[in-house]
Amino acid sequence: MNVPRKEWAAALCALPAIRVKHLANVLSGELEVRDVALPYAGLGLLNLRDGAFEESYFIGEIPVARAEVTVRSAAGVEERGGALLVDDRAQLARAIAILDAVLAGKLPGWEQGMSLVQQGMEVRQHNHSDCKKLLAATRVDFSLLGQEDDEDEA
């Protein structure tokens, strides 16, 4: 399964955080990891645009976690990685940023990282199919309502 880079973070978020953090810690022991910016968790304003008047407004606050790292292998290959999550766990964002750099640069351990991403994609697909089943089970057919009124009048 070929997973595009833009979906790596979402796939990793679908897995238990302890598994993602564990792999990032194992890889950090083998690679040199430097924070470009300190991992951050806080609130962000969700901005939407009104469909009628095309004016922007703030719908509310959402939790945001952000991390950016540079990872260097023993061979001197360096790659930059980052993560921006709708979550409040800065250390999870840092772990995902480390895996993002390792995967992007195909640094040592990238195979384990890609295996984790693929497992996350399978979880996301399973969750998506469950949601589709629930949605189908709650679908209502309103076309029959008109027929009942006609029968009452007769």
N, C-alpha and C. Protein backbone atom coordinates (compact mmCIF):
# COMPACT_ATOMS: atom_id res chain seq x y z
N MET A 1 0.84 -1.17 0.00
CA MET A 1 0.00 0.00 0.00
C MET A 1 0.89 1.24 0.00
N ASN A 2 0.71 2.09 -0.99
CA ASN A 2 1.49 3.32 -1.10
C ASN A 2 0.69 4.47 -0.49
N VAL A 3 1.12 4.95 0.66
CA VAL A 3 0.41 5.99 1.39
C VAL A 3 1.10 7.32 1.15
N PRO A 4 0.39 8.35 0.66
CA PRO A 4 1.02 9.65 0.45
C PRO A 4 1.41 10.30 1.78
N ARG A 5 2.44 11.15 1.74
CA ARG A 5 2.97 11.78 2.95
C ARG A 5 1.91 12.58 3.69
N LYS A 6 1.01 13.21 2.98
CA LYS A 6 0.01 14.06 3.64
C LYS A 6 -0.93 13.24 4.53
N GLU A 7 -0.97 11.91 4.37
CA GLU A 7 -1.85 11.07 5.17
C GLU A 7 -1.13 10.32 6.28
N TRP A 8 0.19 10.47 6.38
CA TRP A 8 0.95 9.75 7.40
C TRP A 8 0.49 10.11 8.81
N ALA A 9 0.35 11.39 9.09
CA ALA A 9 -0.02 11.82 10.45
C ALA A 9 -1.40 11.30 10.83
N ALA A 10 -2.36 11.38 9.91
CA ALA A 10 -3.71 10.88 10.20
C ALA A 10 -3.69 9.38 10.46
N ALA A 11 -2.89 8.65 9.70
CA ALA A 11 -2.79 7.21 9.90
C ALA A 11 -2.18 6.89 11.26
N LEU A 12 -1.14 7.63 11.63
CA LEU A 12 -0.48 7.39 12.92
C LEU A 12 -1.39 7.78 14.08
N CYS A 13 -2.22 8.79 13.90
CA CYS A 13 -3.16 9.21 14.95
C CYS A 13 -4.25 8.17 15.19
N ALA A 14 -4.50 7.31 14.21
CA ALA A 14 -5.52 6.27 14.35
C ALA A 14 -5.06 5.13 15.25
N LEU A 15 -3.77 5.07 15.52
CA LEU A 15 -3.20 4.01 16.36
C LEU A 15 -3.07 4.49 17.80
N PRO A 16 -2.92 3.56 18.75
CA PRO A 16 -2.67 3.99 20.13
C PRO A 16 -1.38 4.81 20.20
N ALA A 17 -1.44 5.92 20.92
CA ALA A 17 -0.31 6.84 21.00
C ALA A 17 0.94 6.17 21.55
N ILE A 18 0.78 5.21 22.43
CA ILE A 18 1.94 4.56 23.04
C ILE A 18 2.77 3.81 22.00
N ARG A 19 2.13 3.24 20.98
CA ARG A 19 2.87 2.53 19.93
C ARG A 19 3.68 3.50 19.08
N VAL A 20 3.08 4.65 18.75
CA VAL A 20 3.76 5.66 17.94
C VAL A 20 4.94 6.23 18.72
N LYS A 21 4.71 6.57 19.99
CA LYS A 21 5.78 7.15 20.82
C LYS A 21 6.91 6.14 21.02
N HIS A 22 6.56 4.86 21.20
CA HIS A 22 7.59 3.85 21.41
C HIS A 22 8.53 3.74 20.21
N LEU A 23 7.96 3.67 19.01
CA LEU A 23 8.80 3.57 17.81
C LEU A 23 9.65 4.83 17.65
N ALA A 24 9.07 6.00 17.90
CA ALA A 24 9.83 7.24 17.79
C ALA A 24 10.98 7.26 18.80
N ASN A 25 10.74 6.77 20.02
CA ASN A 25 11.80 6.72 21.02
C ASN A 25 12.91 5.75 20.62
N VAL A 26 12.53 4.60 20.07
CA VAL A 26 13.53 3.61 19.61
C VAL A 26 14.38 4.23 18.50
N LEU A 27 13.74 4.88 17.53
CA LEU A 27 14.48 5.48 16.42
C LEU A 27 15.33 6.66 16.89
N SER A 28 14.86 7.40 17.90
CA SER A 28 15.61 8.54 18.42
C SER A 28 16.92 8.09 19.06
N GLY A 29 16.95 6.87 19.57
CA GLY A 29 18.17 6.33 20.14
C GLY A 29 19.23 6.03 19.08
N GLU A 30 18.79 5.76 17.87
CA GLU A 30 19.70 5.42 16.77
C GLU A 30 20.05 6.62 15.90
N LEU A 31 19.23 7.66 15.95
CA LEU A 31 19.40 8.83 15.09
C LEU A 31 19.55 10.08 15.95
N GLU A 32 20.10 11.12 15.36
CA GLU A 32 20.21 12.41 16.06
C GLU A 32 18.96 13.23 15.73
N VAL A 33 18.21 13.59 16.77
CA VAL A 33 16.97 14.36 16.60
C VAL A 33 17.14 15.72 17.26
N ARG A 34 16.88 16.78 16.48
CA ARG A 34 16.92 18.14 17.01
C ARG A 34 15.57 18.80 16.77
N ASP A 35 15.09 19.50 17.77
CA ASP A 35 13.84 20.24 17.62
C ASP A 35 14.12 21.55 16.89
N VAL A 36 13.42 21.79 15.78
CA VAL A 36 13.50 23.07 15.08
C VAL A 36 12.75 24.11 15.91
N ALA A 37 11.60 23.70 16.43
CA ALA A 37 10.80 24.51 17.35
C ALA A 37 10.33 23.57 18.45
N LEU A 38 10.21 24.08 19.65
CA LEU A 38 9.75 23.24 20.75
C LEU A 38 8.34 22.73 20.47
N PRO A 39 8.06 21.47 20.82
CA PRO A 39 6.70 20.96 20.65
C PRO A 39 5.73 21.85 21.42
N TYR A 40 4.58 22.10 20.82
CA TYR A 40 3.63 23.04 21.38
C TYR A 40 2.23 22.45 21.37
N ALA A 41 1.50 22.67 22.45
CA ALA A 41 0.09 22.30 22.49
C ALA A 41 -0.68 23.50 23.03
N GLY A 42 -1.75 23.84 22.37
CA GLY A 42 -2.55 24.99 22.78
C GLY A 42 -3.88 24.99 22.05
N LEU A 43 -4.44 26.18 21.95
CA LEU A 43 -5.73 26.33 21.29
C LEU A 43 -5.58 27.13 20.01
N GLY A 44 -6.34 26.79 19.01
CA GLY A 44 -6.39 27.54 17.76
C GLY A 44 -7.82 27.94 17.47
N LEU A 45 -7.99 29.04 16.80
CA LEU A 45 -9.33 29.49 16.43
C LEU A 45 -9.72 28.88 15.10
N LEU A 46 -10.89 28.30 15.03
CA LEU A 46 -11.40 27.71 13.80
C LEU A 46 -12.14 28.80 13.03
N ASN A 47 -11.62 29.17 11.90
CA ASN A 47 -12.15 30.25 11.08
C ASN A 47 -12.93 29.67 9.91
N LEU A 48 -14.17 30.12 9.72
CA LEU A 48 -14.99 29.69 8.59
C LEU A 48 -15.48 30.91 7.83
N ARG A 49 -15.91 30.68 6.60
CA ARG A 49 -16.43 31.76 5.77
C ARG A 49 -17.92 31.55 5.57
N ASP A 50 -18.68 32.60 5.82
CA ASP A 50 -20.13 32.59 5.65
C ASP A 50 -20.45 32.40 4.17
N GLY A 51 -21.33 31.45 3.86
CA GLY A 51 -21.67 31.16 2.47
C GLY A 51 -22.50 32.24 1.80
N ALA A 52 -23.29 32.96 2.56
CA ALA A 52 -24.17 33.96 1.97
C ALA A 52 -23.48 35.30 1.73
N PHE A 53 -22.75 35.79 2.74
CA PHE A 53 -22.15 37.11 2.64
C PHE A 53 -20.64 37.08 2.43
N GLU A 54 -20.05 35.87 2.36
CA GLU A 54 -18.61 35.70 2.14
C GLU A 54 -17.77 36.39 3.21
N GLU A 55 -18.29 36.49 4.42
CA GLU A 55 -17.55 37.08 5.53
C GLU A 55 -16.99 35.96 6.39
N SER A 56 -15.77 36.16 6.89
CA SER A 56 -15.20 35.13 7.76
C SER A 56 -15.59 35.40 9.20
N TYR A 57 -15.73 34.31 9.95
CA TYR A 57 -16.06 34.41 11.37
C TYR A 57 -15.41 33.23 12.08
N PHE A 58 -15.25 33.34 13.39
CA PHE A 58 -14.64 32.29 14.19
C PHE A 58 -15.73 31.46 14.85
N ILE A 59 -15.69 30.15 14.57
CA ILE A 59 -16.71 29.26 15.09
C ILE A 59 -16.36 28.80 16.51
N GLY A 60 -15.10 28.82 16.87
CA GLY A 60 -14.71 28.41 18.22
C GLY A 60 -13.25 28.01 18.27
N GLU A 61 -12.85 27.50 19.43
CA GLU A 61 -11.48 27.08 19.65
C GLU A 61 -11.36 25.57 19.50
N ILE A 62 -10.20 25.14 18.99
CA ILE A 62 -9.90 23.72 18.86
C ILE A 62 -8.51 23.46 19.43
N PRO A 63 -8.28 22.28 20.00
CA PRO A 63 -6.94 21.96 20.49
C PRO A 63 -6.00 21.72 19.32
N VAL A 64 -4.77 22.22 19.44
CA VAL A 64 -3.78 22.08 18.37
C VAL A 64 -2.44 21.70 19.01
N ALA A 65 -1.78 20.71 18.42
CA ALA A 65 -0.42 20.32 18.83
C ALA A 65 0.47 20.40 17.61
N ARG A 66 1.68 20.96 17.81
CA ARG A 66 2.58 21.19 16.68
C ARG A 66 4.00 20.82 17.08
N ALA A 67 4.73 20.21 16.16
CA ALA A 67 6.14 19.89 16.38
C ALA A 67 6.87 19.89 15.04
N GLU A 68 8.14 20.29 15.09
CA GLU A 68 8.98 20.28 13.90
C GLU A 68 10.39 19.87 14.33
N VAL A 69 10.94 18.87 13.65
CA VAL A 69 12.25 18.33 14.01
C VAL A 69 13.13 18.16 12.78
N THR A 70 14.41 18.04 13.04
CA THR A 70 15.39 17.64 12.03
C THR A 70 16.03 16.35 12.52
N VAL A 71 16.10 15.36 11.66
CA VAL A 71 16.66 14.05 12.02
C VAL A 71 17.86 13.78 11.13
N ARG A 72 18.98 13.36 11.75
CA ARG A 72 20.20 13.05 11.01
C ARG A 72 20.63 11.62 11.31
N SER A 73 20.96 10.90 10.26
CA SER A 73 21.43 9.52 10.42
C SER A 73 22.93 9.52 10.68
N ALA A 74 23.45 8.35 11.04
CA ALA A 74 24.89 8.22 11.28
C ALA A 74 25.68 8.47 10.00
N ALA A 75 25.06 8.24 8.84
CA ALA A 75 25.72 8.46 7.55
C ALA A 75 25.71 9.94 7.15
N GLY A 76 25.05 10.78 7.94
CA GLY A 76 25.02 12.21 7.65
C GLY A 76 23.84 12.66 6.83
N VAL A 77 22.93 11.75 6.52
CA VAL A 77 21.72 12.13 5.77
C VAL A 77 20.77 12.84 6.74
N GLU A 78 20.29 14.01 6.33
CA GLU A 78 19.43 14.80 7.21
C GLU A 78 18.09 15.05 6.54
N GLU A 79 17.04 14.97 7.33
CA GLU A 79 15.67 15.20 6.83
C GLU A 79 14.88 15.96 7.88
N ARG A 80 13.98 16.78 7.40
CA ARG A 80 13.12 17.58 8.28
C ARG A 80 11.73 16.97 8.29
N GLY A 81 11.10 16.95 9.46
CA GLY A 81 9.76 16.41 9.60
C GLY A 81 8.92 17.29 10.51
N GLY A 82 7.63 17.19 10.34
CA GLY A 82 6.74 17.99 11.17
C GLY A 82 5.38 17.36 11.31
N ALA A 83 4.63 17.88 12.29
CA ALA A 83 3.27 17.41 12.50
C ALA A 83 2.45 18.55 13.08
N LEU A 84 1.24 18.69 12.59
CA LEU A 84 0.27 19.64 13.10
C LEU A 84 -1.02 18.86 13.28
N LEU A 85 -1.42 18.66 14.54
CA LEU A 85 -2.53 17.80 14.87
C LEU A 85 -3.66 18.57 15.53
N VAL A 86 -4.88 18.14 15.30
CA VAL A 86 -6.02 18.64 16.06
C VAL A 86 -6.09 17.74 17.28
N ASP A 87 -5.26 18.07 18.26
CA ASP A 87 -5.06 17.24 19.45
C ASP A 87 -4.37 18.12 20.48
N ASP A 88 -4.31 17.66 21.71
CA ASP A 88 -3.65 18.45 22.74
C ASP A 88 -2.39 17.79 23.29
N ARG A 89 -1.84 16.80 22.57
CA ARG A 89 -0.66 16.07 23.04
C ARG A 89 0.57 16.47 22.23
N ALA A 90 1.39 17.34 22.82
CA ALA A 90 2.59 17.84 22.14
C ALA A 90 3.61 16.72 21.91
N GLN A 91 3.73 15.79 22.86
CA GLN A 91 4.71 14.72 22.70
C GLN A 91 4.30 13.74 21.58
N LEU A 92 3.01 13.56 21.40
CA LEU A 92 2.55 12.74 20.27
C LEU A 92 2.88 13.45 18.95
N ALA A 93 2.69 14.75 18.91
CA ALA A 93 3.04 15.52 17.71
C ALA A 93 4.53 15.40 17.42
N ARG A 94 5.37 15.45 18.45
CA ARG A 94 6.81 15.31 18.26
C ARG A 94 7.16 13.92 17.73
N ALA A 95 6.53 12.89 18.30
CA ALA A 95 6.79 11.52 17.84
C ALA A 95 6.40 11.36 16.37
N ILE A 96 5.28 11.93 15.99
CA ILE A 96 4.83 11.85 14.59
C ILE A 96 5.77 12.64 13.70
N ALA A 97 6.28 13.78 14.18
CA ALA A 97 7.24 14.57 13.39
C ALA A 97 8.52 13.79 13.15
N ILE A 98 8.98 13.05 14.17
CA ILE A 98 10.18 12.23 14.02
C ILE A 98 9.94 11.15 12.96
N LEU A 99 8.80 10.47 13.05
CA LEU A 99 8.49 9.42 12.08
C LEU A 99 8.31 10.00 10.68
N ASP A 100 7.76 11.21 10.60
CA ASP A 100 7.60 11.89 9.31
C ASP A 100 8.96 12.10 8.66
N ALA A 101 9.94 12.56 9.42
CA ALA A 101 11.28 12.79 8.88
C ALA A 101 11.94 11.47 8.48
N VAL A 102 11.81 10.46 9.33
CA VAL A 102 12.43 9.16 9.04
C VAL A 102 11.84 8.56 7.77
N LEU A 103 10.52 8.64 7.64
CA LEU A 103 9.86 8.09 6.45
C LEU A 103 10.21 8.89 5.19
N ALA A 104 10.21 10.21 5.30
CA ALA A 104 10.48 11.05 4.13
C ALA A 104 11.89 10.86 3.61
N GLY A 105 12.84 10.71 4.52
CA GLY A 105 14.24 10.55 4.11
C GLY A 105 14.67 9.11 3.95
N LYS A 106 13.75 8.17 4.20
CA LYS A 106 14.07 6.74 4.20
C LYS A 106 15.32 6.47 5.03
N LEU A 107 15.31 7.07 6.22
CA LEU A 107 16.40 6.89 7.17
C LEU A 107 16.27 5.53 7.83
N PRO A 108 17.32 5.06 8.53
CA PRO A 108 17.23 3.75 9.18
C PRO A 108 16.00 3.64 10.08
N GLY A 109 15.24 2.58 9.88
CA GLY A 109 14.02 2.35 10.64
C GLY A 109 12.76 2.77 9.89
N TRP A 110 12.93 3.24 8.65
CA TRP A 110 11.75 3.71 7.92
C TRP A 110 10.77 2.58 7.60
N GLU A 111 11.29 1.35 7.48
CA GLU A 111 10.40 0.22 7.19
C GLU A 111 9.41 0.00 8.33
N GLN A 112 9.92 0.09 9.58
CA GLN A 112 9.03 -0.07 10.74
C GLN A 112 8.01 1.06 10.79
N GLY A 113 8.45 2.26 10.46
CA GLY A 113 7.55 3.41 10.42
C GLY A 113 6.47 3.24 9.37
N MET A 114 6.84 2.76 8.20
CA MET A 114 5.85 2.56 7.13
C MET A 114 4.88 1.44 7.50
N SER A 115 5.36 0.43 8.19
CA SER A 115 4.48 -0.63 8.66
C SER A 115 3.44 -0.07 9.62
N LEU A 116 3.87 0.83 10.50
CA LEU A 116 2.95 1.46 11.44
C LEU A 116 1.93 2.34 10.70
N VAL A 117 2.39 3.07 9.70
CA VAL A 117 1.48 3.90 8.89
C VAL A 117 0.44 3.02 8.19
N GLN A 118 0.86 1.91 7.64
CA GLN A 118 -0.07 1.01 6.95
C GLN A 118 -1.09 0.42 7.92
N GLN A 119 -0.65 0.09 9.12
CA GLN A 119 -1.59 -0.40 10.13
C GLN A 119 -2.61 0.68 10.48
N GLY A 120 -2.14 1.91 10.59
CA GLY A 120 -3.04 3.03 10.86
C GLY A 120 -4.04 3.25 9.75
N MET A 121 -3.60 3.09 8.51
CA MET A 121 -4.52 3.24 7.37
C MET A 121 -5.60 2.15 7.40
N GLU A 122 -5.21 0.94 7.79
CA GLU A 122 -6.20 -0.14 7.90
C GLU A 122 -7.23 0.18 8.98
N VAL A 123 -6.77 0.73 10.11
CA VAL A 123 -7.70 1.12 11.18
C VAL A 123 -8.64 2.21 10.68
N ARG A 124 -8.10 3.20 9.96
CA ARG A 124 -8.94 4.28 9.43
C ARG A 124 -9.97 3.74 8.45
N GLN A 125 -9.57 2.82 7.57
CA GLN A 125 -10.51 2.25 6.61
C GLN A 125 -11.60 1.45 7.32
N HIS A 126 -11.22 0.72 8.35
CA HIS A 126 -12.19 -0.05 9.12
C HIS A 126 -13.18 0.90 9.81
N ASN A 127 -12.67 1.97 10.42
CA ASN A 127 -13.54 2.95 11.08
C ASN A 127 -14.46 3.63 10.07
N HIS A 128 -13.94 3.92 8.89
CA HIS A 128 -14.74 4.56 7.86
C HIS A 128 -15.87 3.64 7.40
N SER A 129 -15.58 2.36 7.24
CA SER A 129 -16.63 1.43 6.82
C SER A 129 -17.67 1.26 7.92
N ASP A 130 -17.24 1.28 9.19
CA ASP A 130 -18.20 1.21 10.30
C ASP A 130 -19.12 2.44 10.30
N CYS A 131 -18.55 3.60 10.05
CA CYS A 131 -19.35 4.83 9.99
C CYS A 131 -20.36 4.78 8.85
N LYS A 132 -19.92 4.24 7.70
CA LYS A 132 -20.84 4.12 6.56
C LYS A 132 -21.99 3.17 6.89
N LYS A 133 -21.70 2.08 7.61
CA LYS A 133 -22.74 1.14 7.99
C LYS A 133 -23.74 1.80 8.94
N LEU A 134 -23.23 2.55 9.91
CA LEU A 134 -24.11 3.24 10.86
C LEU A 134 -24.98 4.28 10.14
N LEU A 135 -24.38 5.00 9.22
CA LEU A 135 -25.13 6.00 8.47
C LEU A 135 -26.22 5.34 7.63
N ALA A 136 -25.90 4.22 7.00
CA ALA A 136 -26.89 3.51 6.19
C ALA A 136 -28.03 2.98 7.07
N ALA A 137 -27.71 2.56 8.28
CA ALA A 137 -28.73 2.03 9.18
C ALA A 137 -29.67 3.10 9.68
N THR A 138 -29.23 4.34 9.69
CA THR A 138 -30.08 5.42 10.19
C THR A 138 -30.74 6.22 9.07
N ARG A 139 -30.57 5.80 7.83
CA ARG A 139 -31.17 6.51 6.70
C ARG A 139 -32.69 6.35 6.72
N VAL A 140 -33.38 7.43 6.48
CA VAL A 140 -34.84 7.44 6.48
C VAL A 140 -35.34 7.73 5.07
N ASP A 141 -36.36 6.98 4.63
CA ASP A 141 -36.94 7.17 3.32
C ASP A 141 -38.22 7.99 3.48
N PHE A 142 -38.15 9.26 3.13
CA PHE A 142 -39.28 10.15 3.28
C PHE A 142 -40.26 10.07 2.11
N SER A 143 -39.94 9.33 1.09
CA SER A 143 -40.82 9.26 -0.08
C SER A 143 -42.14 8.58 0.25
N LEU A 144 -42.18 7.76 1.28
CA LEU A 144 -43.40 7.07 1.65
C LEU A 144 -44.39 7.98 2.39
N LEU A 145 -43.94 9.10 2.90
CA LEU A 145 -44.82 9.99 3.65
C LEU A 145 -45.95 10.52 2.79
N GLY A 146 -45.69 10.87 1.57
CA GLY A 146 -46.72 11.38 0.67
C GLY A 146 -47.77 10.35 0.34
N GLN A 147 -47.38 9.10 0.28
CA GLN A 147 -48.33 8.03 -0.05
C GLN A 147 -49.32 7.79 1.08
N GLU A 148 -48.90 7.92 2.32
CA GLU A 148 -49.79 7.70 3.45
C GLU A 148 -50.89 8.76 3.50
N ASP A 149 -50.53 10.02 3.17
CA ASP A 149 -51.53 11.08 3.15
C ASP A 149 -52.60 10.81 2.09
N ASP A 150 -52.21 10.28 0.96
CA ASP A 150 -53.15 9.99 -0.12
C ASP A 150 -54.12 8.87 0.31
N GLU A 151 -53.63 7.89 1.05
CA GLU A 151 -54.48 6.79 1.50
C GLU A 151 -55.51 7.27 2.51
N ASP A 152 -55.11 8.21 3.40
CA ASP A 152 -56.03 8.73 4.39
C ASP A 152 -57.17 9.50 3.75
N GLU A 153 -56.90 10.21 2.67
CA GLU A 153 -57.92 11.01 2.00
C GLU A 153 -58.95 10.13 1.28
N ALA A 154 -58.58 8.93 0.84
CA ALA A 154 -59.46 8.07 0.08
C ALA A 154 -60.49 7.35 0.91
